[in-house]
Amino acid sequence: MRPTLDELFDLCRDFKLISDVEQDGDEYKIQCKDESFEVSGKEAAILVRGLLIGHFAFHTRDDLSLANWLS
């Protein structure tokens, strides 16, 4: 089962990849380091997955881009 978007946000906060998320309807404003992103729900999911994959790839040197993300 895939993690929910809220669970992905929580993981990103835990690893200090994002500092704040504000939701306005179907849009999200995500504060990531010194940048702010205004994105749709689908774009937010892509952004946080990319942040998490990059974080783990950097720290473990594993190629998580080959991970099988279940639908």
Protein backbone atom coordinates (compact mmCIF):
# COMPACT_ATOMS: atom_id res chain seq x y z
CA MET A 1 0.00 0.00 0.00
CA ARG A 2 1.35 3.40 -0.98
CA PRO A 3 1.94 6.02 1.69
CA THR A 4 -0.52 8.90 1.74
CA LEU A 5 0.57 12.39 0.81
CA ASP A 6 0.31 13.41 4.47
CA GLU A 7 2.60 10.52 5.46
CA LEU A 8 5.11 11.63 2.81
CA PHE A 9 4.94 15.19 4.16
CA ASP A 10 5.58 13.86 7.68
CA LEU A 11 8.62 11.88 6.51
CA CYS A 12 10.01 14.94 4.74
CA ARG A 13 9.54 17.00 7.90
CA ASP A 14 11.19 14.28 10.00
CA PHE A 15 14.25 14.35 7.72
CA LYS A 16 14.15 18.18 7.62
CA LEU A 17 13.66 18.23 3.84
CA ILE A 18 10.66 20.55 4.14
CA SER A 19 9.77 22.97 6.89
CA ASP A 20 6.13 23.81 6.19
CA VAL A 21 3.13 22.77 4.10
CA GLU A 22 0.00 24.83 3.62
CA GLN A 23 -3.02 23.46 1.79
CA ASP A 24 -5.50 25.70 0.00
CA GLY A 25 -8.14 23.54 -1.65
CA ASP A 26 -6.35 21.29 -4.13
CA GLU A 27 -3.18 23.39 -4.08
CA TYR A 28 -0.19 23.10 -1.75
CA LYS A 29 2.47 25.61 -0.77
CA ILE A 30 5.56 23.70 0.31
CA GLN A 31 8.52 25.40 1.99
CA CYS A 32 11.62 23.44 1.03
CA LYS A 33 14.93 24.84 2.30
CA ASP A 34 15.00 28.44 1.04
CA GLU A 35 12.43 27.93 -1.73
CA SER A 36 8.66 27.89 -1.75
CA PHE A 37 6.75 25.73 -4.22
CA GLU A 38 3.07 26.22 -5.13
CA VAL A 39 1.92 22.95 -6.64
CA SER A 40 -1.09 20.72 -7.24
CA GLY A 41 -1.64 17.55 -5.21
CA LYS A 42 -0.14 15.39 -7.97
CA GLU A 43 2.91 17.66 -8.25
CA ALA A 44 3.29 17.69 -4.45
CA ALA A 45 3.42 13.88 -4.41
CA ILE A 46 6.10 13.89 -7.11
CA LEU A 47 8.10 16.57 -5.27
CA VAL A 48 8.12 14.84 -1.88
CA ARG A 49 8.88 11.41 -3.37
CA GLY A 50 11.82 12.95 -5.24
CA LEU A 51 13.07 14.64 -2.08
CA LEU A 52 12.91 11.35 -0.17
CA ILE A 53 14.54 9.31 -2.92
CA GLY A 54 17.33 11.87 -3.23
CA HIS A 55 17.84 11.97 0.53
CA PHE A 56 18.17 8.20 0.86
CA ALA A 57 20.28 7.85 -2.27
CA PHE A 58 22.69 10.47 -0.95
CA HIS A 59 23.01 8.88 2.49
CA THR A 60 23.04 5.21 1.50
CA ARG A 61 24.50 5.44 -1.99
CA ASP A 62 21.73 3.03 -3.05
CA ASP A 63 20.06 3.53 -6.39
CA LEU A 64 16.48 3.89 -5.20
CA SER A 65 15.42 5.05 -8.64
CA LEU A 66 15.08 1.33 -9.39
CA ALA A 67 12.59 0.85 -6.53
CA ASN A 68 9.26 -0.66 -7.47
CA TRP A 69 6.66 1.89 -6.34
CA LEU A 70 3.38 0.00 -6.03
CA SER A 71 0.28 1.61 -7.51
